[in-house]
N, C-alpha and C. Protein backbone atom coordinates (compact mmCIF):
# COMPACT_ATOMS: atom_id res chain seq x y z
N MET A 1 -42.44 17.57 30.46
CA MET A 1 -42.37 18.42 28.98
C MET A 1 -42.15 17.70 27.94
N SER A 2 -42.90 18.04 26.70
CA SER A 2 -43.04 17.37 25.60
C SER A 2 -41.62 17.61 24.78
N ARG A 3 -41.42 16.55 23.93
CA ARG A 3 -40.07 16.72 23.22
C ARG A 3 -39.95 17.89 22.46
N GLU A 4 -41.18 18.12 21.84
CA GLU A 4 -41.24 19.44 20.92
C GLU A 4 -40.88 20.92 21.94
N ILE A 5 -41.68 21.00 23.03
CA ILE A 5 -41.23 22.05 23.96
C ILE A 5 -39.71 22.09 24.36
N GLU A 6 -39.25 20.77 24.63
CA GLU A 6 -37.88 20.88 25.05
C GLU A 6 -37.11 21.13 24.02
N VAL A 7 -37.30 20.90 22.60
CA VAL A 7 -36.31 21.23 21.57
C VAL A 7 -36.45 22.85 21.28
N ASN A 8 -37.72 23.26 21.41
CA ASN A 8 -38.02 24.83 21.12
C ASN A 8 -37.23 25.50 22.27
N VAL A 9 -37.16 25.06 23.68
CA VAL A 9 -36.47 25.68 24.76
C VAL A 9 -35.01 25.79 24.43
N ARG A 10 -34.32 24.41 23.81
CA ARG A 10 -33.09 24.39 23.60
C ARG A 10 -32.59 25.30 22.38
N ILE A 11 -33.53 25.56 21.49
CA ILE A 11 -33.27 26.49 20.31
C ILE A 11 -32.98 27.97 21.06
N ALA A 12 -34.04 28.10 21.69
CA ALA A 12 -34.19 29.47 22.36
C ALA A 12 -32.83 29.88 22.96
N VAL A 13 -32.50 28.87 23.89
CA VAL A 13 -31.15 29.11 24.69
C VAL A 13 -29.98 28.83 24.14
N GLU A 14 -29.73 27.70 23.43
CA GLU A 14 -28.57 27.38 22.70
C GLU A 14 -28.39 27.91 21.25
N VAL A 15 -29.36 28.07 20.60
CA VAL A 15 -28.91 28.96 19.25
C VAL A 15 -28.88 30.35 19.51
N PHE A 16 -30.27 30.78 19.86
CA PHE A 16 -30.36 32.23 20.04
C PHE A 16 -29.71 32.82 21.36
N GLY A 17 -29.49 32.06 22.43
CA GLY A 17 -28.58 32.66 23.40
C GLY A 17 -29.27 33.33 24.43
N GLU A 18 -30.81 33.24 24.36
CA GLU A 18 -31.66 33.99 25.20
C GLU A 18 -32.27 32.86 26.06
N ASP A 19 -32.09 33.17 27.59
CA ASP A 19 -32.72 32.60 28.64
C ASP A 19 -34.17 33.17 28.74
N LYS A 20 -34.88 32.21 29.32
CA LYS A 20 -36.34 32.61 29.54
C LYS A 20 -36.36 33.80 30.34
N PRO A 21 -37.12 34.77 29.69
CA PRO A 21 -37.45 36.02 30.21
C PRO A 21 -38.00 35.75 31.92
N GLU A 22 -37.79 36.71 32.70
CA GLU A 22 -38.26 36.97 34.15
C GLU A 22 -39.68 37.60 34.13
N GLY A 23 -40.51 37.14 34.82
CA GLY A 23 -41.76 38.08 35.06
C GLY A 23 -42.52 37.74 34.05
N GLN A 24 -43.91 38.57 34.18
CA GLN A 24 -44.91 38.53 33.11
C GLN A 24 -44.75 39.52 31.80
N PRO A 25 -45.32 39.35 30.94
CA PRO A 25 -45.32 40.40 29.93
C PRO A 25 -46.12 41.49 30.55
N VAL A 26 -45.96 42.72 29.96
CA VAL A 26 -46.72 43.84 30.42
C VAL A 26 -47.70 43.95 29.24
N VAL A 27 -49.07 44.08 29.67
CA VAL A 27 -50.09 44.30 28.97
C VAL A 27 -50.46 45.84 28.88
N THR A 28 -50.32 46.33 27.65
CA THR A 28 -50.58 47.72 27.53
C THR A 28 -51.88 48.24 27.00
N GLY A 29 -52.97 47.51 26.69
CA GLY A 29 -54.15 47.69 26.42
C GLY A 29 -54.95 46.44 25.39
N HIS A 30 -55.80 46.85 24.76
CA HIS A 30 -56.82 45.96 24.11
C HIS A 30 -57.47 46.68 23.02
N ILE A 31 -57.41 46.21 21.79
CA ILE A 31 -58.15 46.68 20.71
C ILE A 31 -58.92 45.40 20.14
N SER A 32 -60.31 45.89 20.03
CA SER A 32 -61.22 44.77 19.66
C SER A 32 -61.01 43.53 20.61
N GLN A 33 -60.83 42.25 20.18
CA GLN A 33 -60.53 41.27 20.87
C GLN A 33 -58.98 40.61 21.08
N SER A 34 -58.19 41.83 20.72
CA SER A 34 -57.02 41.52 20.79
C SER A 34 -56.02 42.26 22.07
N THR A 35 -55.21 41.57 22.48
CA THR A 35 -54.53 42.07 23.72
C THR A 35 -53.26 42.60 23.33
N LEU A 36 -52.80 43.82 23.62
CA LEU A 36 -51.52 44.44 23.23
C LEU A 36 -50.47 44.23 24.26
N ILE A 37 -49.20 43.80 24.03
CA ILE A 37 -48.22 43.55 25.01
C ILE A 37 -47.06 44.63 24.51
N GLU A 38 -46.69 45.14 25.57
CA GLU A 38 -45.24 46.22 25.41
C GLU A 38 -44.27 45.39 24.66
N SER A 39 -43.66 46.08 23.69
CA SER A 39 -42.54 45.40 23.01
C SER A 39 -41.72 44.79 23.83
N TYR A 40 -41.09 44.07 23.51
CA TYR A 40 -39.87 43.32 24.08
C TYR A 40 -38.72 42.89 23.28
N PRO A 41 -37.43 42.77 23.77
CA PRO A 41 -36.07 42.50 23.21
C PRO A 41 -36.08 41.06 22.64
N TRP A 42 -36.77 40.09 23.03
CA TRP A 42 -36.22 38.44 22.85
C TRP A 42 -36.76 38.20 21.47
N LYS A 43 -36.05 37.51 20.78
CA LYS A 43 -36.51 36.98 19.40
C LYS A 43 -36.93 35.56 19.59
N ALA A 44 -36.69 34.82 20.59
CA ALA A 44 -37.09 33.40 20.72
C ALA A 44 -38.02 33.23 21.64
N TRP A 45 -38.47 34.01 22.18
CA TRP A 45 -39.52 34.03 23.32
C TRP A 45 -40.93 34.74 22.93
N ILE A 46 -41.89 34.28 23.11
CA ILE A 46 -43.04 34.91 22.81
C ILE A 46 -44.09 35.10 24.05
N PRO A 47 -45.04 36.03 24.08
CA PRO A 47 -45.90 35.85 25.27
C PRO A 47 -47.11 34.98 25.14
N ALA A 48 -47.53 34.27 26.11
CA ALA A 48 -48.66 33.01 25.74
C ALA A 48 -49.50 33.29 26.83
N LEU A 49 -50.94 33.13 26.51
CA LEU A 49 -51.77 32.97 27.56
C LEU A 49 -52.22 31.77 28.00
N VAL A 50 -52.05 31.52 29.31
CA VAL A 50 -52.27 29.94 29.90
C VAL A 50 -53.67 30.06 30.24
N VAL A 51 -54.17 28.91 30.45
CA VAL A 51 -55.55 28.34 30.96
C VAL A 51 -55.92 29.04 32.31
N THR A 52 -55.04 29.61 33.18
CA THR A 52 -55.29 30.40 34.26
C THR A 52 -55.53 31.82 34.11
N GLU A 53 -55.47 32.17 32.96
CA GLU A 53 -55.86 33.56 32.31
C GLU A 53 -54.25 34.46 32.77
N GLU A 54 -53.40 33.77 32.96
CA GLU A 54 -52.16 34.74 33.03
C GLU A 54 -51.27 34.61 31.91
N TRP A 55 -50.41 35.61 31.71
CA TRP A 55 -49.46 35.61 30.50
C TRP A 55 -48.16 34.90 31.29
N VAL A 56 -47.63 34.18 30.23
CA VAL A 56 -46.27 33.53 30.39
C VAL A 56 -45.51 33.63 29.24
N TRP A 57 -44.16 33.49 29.37
CA TRP A 57 -43.26 33.34 28.41
C TRP A 57 -43.22 32.18 27.61
N ALA A 58 -43.06 31.88 26.42
CA ALA A 58 -43.21 30.57 25.67
C ALA A 58 -42.23 30.64 24.71
N PRO A 59 -41.30 29.49 24.39
CA PRO A 59 -40.43 29.61 23.11
C PRO A 59 -41.44 29.59 21.97
N ARG A 60 -40.82 30.12 20.95
CA ARG A 60 -41.53 29.92 19.73
C ARG A 60 -41.71 28.66 19.16
N PRO A 61 -42.71 28.47 18.67
CA PRO A 61 -42.94 27.01 17.78
C PRO A 61 -42.18 26.75 16.86
N PHE A 62 -40.63 26.72 16.96
CA PHE A 62 -39.71 26.44 16.20
C PHE A 62 -39.76 25.10 15.44
N MET A 63 -40.08 23.89 16.22
CA MET A 63 -40.25 22.68 15.62
C MET A 63 -41.42 22.46 14.76
N THR A 64 -42.46 23.13 14.65
CA THR A 64 -43.43 22.96 13.87
C THR A 64 -44.03 24.08 12.97
N GLU A 65 -43.55 25.20 13.26
CA GLU A 65 -43.96 26.30 12.14
C GLU A 65 -42.57 26.83 11.30
N ILE A 66 -42.81 26.54 9.91
CA ILE A 66 -41.57 26.87 9.10
C ILE A 66 -41.13 28.21 9.10
N ALA A 67 -42.01 29.33 9.42
CA ALA A 67 -41.61 30.79 9.67
C ALA A 67 -40.52 30.85 10.88
N ASP A 68 -40.98 30.14 12.06
CA ASP A 68 -40.22 30.22 13.11
C ASP A 68 -38.97 29.43 13.02
N ALA A 69 -39.02 28.14 12.10
CA ALA A 69 -37.75 27.49 11.72
C ALA A 69 -36.75 28.42 10.97
N TRP A 70 -37.47 29.24 10.06
CA TRP A 70 -36.55 29.91 9.32
C TRP A 70 -35.74 31.08 10.18
N LEU A 71 -36.47 31.52 11.19
CA LEU A 71 -35.58 32.36 12.11
C LEU A 71 -34.35 31.87 12.60
N VAL A 72 -34.37 30.34 12.74
CA VAL A 72 -33.16 29.79 13.05
C VAL A 72 -32.19 29.58 12.14
N VAL A 73 -32.67 29.37 10.83
CA VAL A 73 -31.70 29.33 9.56
C VAL A 73 -31.05 31.02 9.71
N GLU A 74 -31.81 31.75 9.68
CA GLU A 74 -31.21 33.37 9.42
C GLU A 74 -30.27 33.35 10.82
N LYS A 75 -30.31 32.88 12.04
CA LYS A 75 -29.72 33.11 13.22
C LYS A 75 -28.32 32.26 12.72
N MET A 76 -28.49 31.09 12.45
CA MET A 76 -27.14 30.38 11.90
C MET A 76 -26.37 30.93 10.82
N ARG A 77 -27.15 31.72 9.95
CA ARG A 77 -26.34 32.20 8.92
C ARG A 77 -25.62 33.50 9.47
N ARG A 78 -25.82 34.24 10.41
CA ARG A 78 -25.14 35.48 10.84
C ARG A 78 -24.01 35.43 11.29
N SER A 79 -22.96 35.81 10.59
CA SER A 79 -21.75 35.53 11.26
C SER A 79 -21.35 36.51 12.16
N GLU A 80 -21.78 37.75 12.41
CA GLU A 80 -21.73 38.68 13.37
C GLU A 80 -22.39 37.99 14.77
N ALA A 81 -23.15 37.08 14.76
CA ALA A 81 -23.68 36.50 16.01
C ALA A 81 -23.28 35.12 15.89
N ASP A 82 -22.36 34.60 15.27
CA ASP A 82 -21.86 33.05 15.26
C ASP A 82 -21.68 32.59 16.55
N LEU A 83 -22.30 31.62 16.80
CA LEU A 83 -21.94 30.91 18.29
C LEU A 83 -20.68 30.20 18.03
N LEU A 84 -20.28 29.58 16.96
CA LEU A 84 -19.31 28.66 16.82
C LEU A 84 -17.94 29.34 16.45
N GLY A 85 -17.79 30.47 16.74
CA GLY A 85 -16.45 31.04 16.51
C GLY A 85 -15.85 30.91 14.84
N ARG A 86 -16.90 30.67 14.06
CA ARG A 86 -16.63 30.36 12.55
C ARG A 86 -17.58 31.57 11.83
N GLY A 87 -17.53 31.35 10.38
CA GLY A 87 -18.39 32.23 9.67
C GLY A 87 -19.55 31.77 9.91
N GLY A 88 -20.61 32.53 9.03
CA GLY A 88 -22.14 32.00 9.25
C GLY A 88 -22.20 30.78 8.60
N MET A 89 -23.32 29.93 8.88
CA MET A 89 -23.59 28.68 8.39
C MET A 89 -24.51 28.70 7.34
N GLU A 90 -24.50 27.80 6.16
CA GLU A 90 -25.41 27.73 5.16
C GLU A 90 -26.24 26.30 5.63
N LEU A 91 -27.50 26.38 4.96
CA LEU A 91 -28.33 25.10 5.11
C LEU A 91 -28.62 24.59 3.66
N GLU A 92 -28.54 23.29 3.90
CA GLU A 92 -28.94 22.38 2.83
C GLU A 92 -30.17 21.47 3.42
N LEU A 93 -31.48 21.70 2.58
CA LEU A 93 -32.38 20.72 3.03
C LEU A 93 -32.98 19.88 2.08
N SER A 94 -33.40 18.61 2.37
CA SER A 94 -33.74 17.87 1.26
C SER A 94 -34.87 16.97 1.67
N CYS A 95 -35.76 16.92 0.80
CA CYS A 95 -37.15 16.02 1.07
C CYS A 95 -36.81 14.78 0.32
N MET A 96 -37.10 13.69 1.03
CA MET A 96 -37.08 12.29 0.55
C MET A 96 -38.43 11.58 0.41
N PRO A 97 -38.45 10.66 -0.51
CA PRO A 97 -39.67 10.14 -0.69
C PRO A 97 -40.04 9.29 0.78
N LEU A 98 -41.34 9.28 1.01
CA LEU A 98 -41.90 8.56 1.79
C LEU A 98 -41.88 7.05 1.82
N GLY A 99 -41.58 6.36 2.71
CA GLY A 99 -41.47 4.94 2.62
C GLY A 99 -40.29 4.31 2.10
N ALA A 100 -39.26 5.05 1.71
CA ALA A 100 -38.21 4.53 1.38
C ALA A 100 -37.04 4.00 2.32
N SER A 101 -36.99 2.65 2.21
CA SER A 101 -36.32 2.09 3.31
C SER A 101 -34.78 2.39 3.60
N ALA A 102 -34.23 3.23 3.03
CA ALA A 102 -32.89 3.81 3.17
C ALA A 102 -32.95 4.98 4.42
N TYR A 103 -34.09 5.34 4.68
CA TYR A 103 -34.00 6.48 5.60
C TYR A 103 -34.62 6.14 6.80
N PRO A 104 -34.39 6.70 8.02
CA PRO A 104 -34.98 6.55 9.24
C PRO A 104 -36.47 6.55 9.14
N PRO A 105 -37.22 5.69 10.01
CA PRO A 105 -38.60 5.75 9.95
C PRO A 105 -39.25 6.86 10.35
N ASN A 106 -40.39 7.50 9.64
CA ASN A 106 -41.19 8.70 9.98
C ASN A 106 -40.29 10.04 9.55
N ALA A 107 -39.21 9.62 8.76
CA ALA A 107 -38.25 10.79 8.57
C ALA A 107 -38.21 11.03 7.14
N GLN A 108 -38.86 12.33 6.69
CA GLN A 108 -38.83 12.46 5.23
C GLN A 108 -37.91 13.77 4.97
N TRP A 109 -37.39 14.46 5.84
CA TRP A 109 -36.66 15.65 5.57
C TRP A 109 -35.21 15.38 6.21
N LEU A 110 -34.19 15.93 5.56
CA LEU A 110 -32.85 15.87 5.89
C LEU A 110 -32.27 17.44 6.00
N ALA A 111 -31.72 17.86 6.99
CA ALA A 111 -31.32 19.30 7.23
C ALA A 111 -29.95 19.20 7.50
N GLY A 112 -29.01 20.20 7.01
CA GLY A 112 -27.63 20.24 7.34
C GLY A 112 -27.17 21.44 7.42
N PHE A 113 -26.38 21.68 8.29
CA PHE A 113 -25.67 23.17 8.57
C PHE A 113 -24.14 23.04 8.33
N HIS A 114 -23.55 23.90 7.37
CA HIS A 114 -22.05 23.68 7.19
C HIS A 114 -21.73 24.87 6.84
N ASP A 115 -20.31 25.31 7.14
CA ASP A 115 -19.64 26.13 6.64
C ASP A 115 -18.45 25.63 5.96
N ASP A 116 -17.31 25.89 6.23
CA ASP A 116 -16.02 25.54 5.69
C ASP A 116 -15.79 24.07 6.08
N GLY A 117 -16.19 23.68 7.31
CA GLY A 117 -15.72 22.37 7.97
C GLY A 117 -17.05 21.31 7.75
N PRO A 118 -17.13 20.57 8.52
CA PRO A 118 -18.01 19.33 8.56
C PRO A 118 -19.72 19.88 8.43
N ILE A 119 -20.42 18.85 7.75
CA ILE A 119 -21.70 19.31 7.77
C ILE A 119 -22.54 18.56 8.80
N TYR A 120 -23.20 19.46 9.58
CA TYR A 120 -24.05 18.76 10.60
C TYR A 120 -25.47 18.55 10.32
N GLN A 121 -25.73 17.09 10.04
CA GLN A 121 -27.12 16.87 9.48
C GLN A 121 -27.89 16.03 10.42
N GLN A 122 -29.49 16.23 10.27
CA GLN A 122 -30.26 15.54 11.19
C GLN A 122 -31.59 15.32 10.44
N TRP A 123 -32.24 14.14 10.55
CA TRP A 123 -33.33 13.83 9.96
C TRP A 123 -34.53 14.40 10.83
N GLY A 124 -35.61 14.58 10.06
CA GLY A 124 -36.87 15.00 10.78
C GLY A 124 -38.08 14.68 10.19
N ALA A 125 -39.29 14.35 10.70
CA ALA A 125 -40.41 14.24 9.99
C ALA A 125 -41.07 15.33 9.19
N THR A 126 -40.64 16.60 9.57
CA THR A 126 -40.96 17.95 8.80
C THR A 126 -39.76 18.66 8.71
N ALA A 127 -40.10 19.59 7.78
CA ALA A 127 -38.58 20.53 7.41
C ALA A 127 -38.23 21.23 8.84
N PRO A 128 -39.22 21.83 9.49
CA PRO A 128 -39.12 22.52 10.66
C PRO A 128 -38.22 21.66 11.83
N GLU A 129 -38.69 20.44 11.93
CA GLU A 129 -37.85 19.60 12.84
C GLU A 129 -36.78 19.31 12.41
N ALA A 130 -36.39 18.95 11.18
CA ALA A 130 -34.81 18.60 10.82
C ALA A 130 -34.22 19.95 10.94
N ILE A 131 -34.69 21.09 10.69
CA ILE A 131 -33.80 22.37 10.89
C ILE A 131 -33.24 22.48 12.12
N CYS A 132 -34.29 22.21 13.25
CA CYS A 132 -34.01 22.31 14.61
C CYS A 132 -33.04 21.58 15.09
N LEU A 133 -33.29 20.09 14.70
CA LEU A 133 -32.35 19.14 15.25
C LEU A 133 -30.79 19.38 14.67
N ALA A 134 -30.81 19.69 13.42
CA ALA A 134 -29.42 20.14 12.84
C ALA A 134 -28.76 21.18 13.39
N ALA A 135 -29.38 22.35 13.80
CA ALA A 135 -28.93 23.34 14.38
C ALA A 135 -28.28 23.18 15.75
N LEU A 136 -29.06 22.36 16.42
CA LEU A 136 -28.67 22.06 17.79
C LEU A 136 -27.41 21.26 17.62
N LYS A 137 -27.37 20.48 16.66
CA LYS A 137 -26.15 19.45 16.44
C LYS A 137 -25.14 20.28 16.27
N ALA A 138 -25.10 21.33 15.39
CA ALA A 138 -24.15 22.08 15.05
C ALA A 138 -23.54 23.06 16.25
N VAL A 139 -24.44 23.52 16.89
CA VAL A 139 -23.99 24.57 17.95
C VAL A 139 -23.47 23.66 19.25
N ASN A 140 -23.81 22.41 19.29
CA ASN A 140 -23.30 21.57 20.12
C ASN A 140 -21.98 20.83 19.86
N SER A 141 -21.55 20.82 18.64
CA SER A 141 -20.32 20.35 18.29
C SER A 141 -18.95 21.02 18.59
N PRO A 142 -18.13 20.23 18.74
CA PRO A 142 -16.56 20.98 18.95
C PRO A 142 -16.20 21.65 17.81
N VAL A 143 -15.52 22.87 18.13
CA VAL A 143 -15.14 23.65 17.13
C VAL A 143 -13.91 22.89 16.29
């Protein structure tokens, strides 16, 4: 499993609290060249068609797509679904100049989640990567 997929799965399970769904998505029909899938309650998993022409469940591409990474930010901010037993967490996101020697190699973005306590920061090559890594650090830290 690639690092990207591994992090996406960890986000689905550890941040969203959703284990991988069982079984295949239910196809309800086709319109033009699109397949319609029965609605499902999961936020972190999407149906994906694999080479074998079978539907499987895949985690959203949190690490590469900013729209999906923003779902992580929204989840971390919701105090009613807070996984840490604290209030919702806020995001701080910074972009650093490429090539600056003070930063980790290939890391241009710094993301951090915080509430009234410490800030949980991680570097990433992209904003979505930094957001995901910081979220995992925050939910896996002791309260």
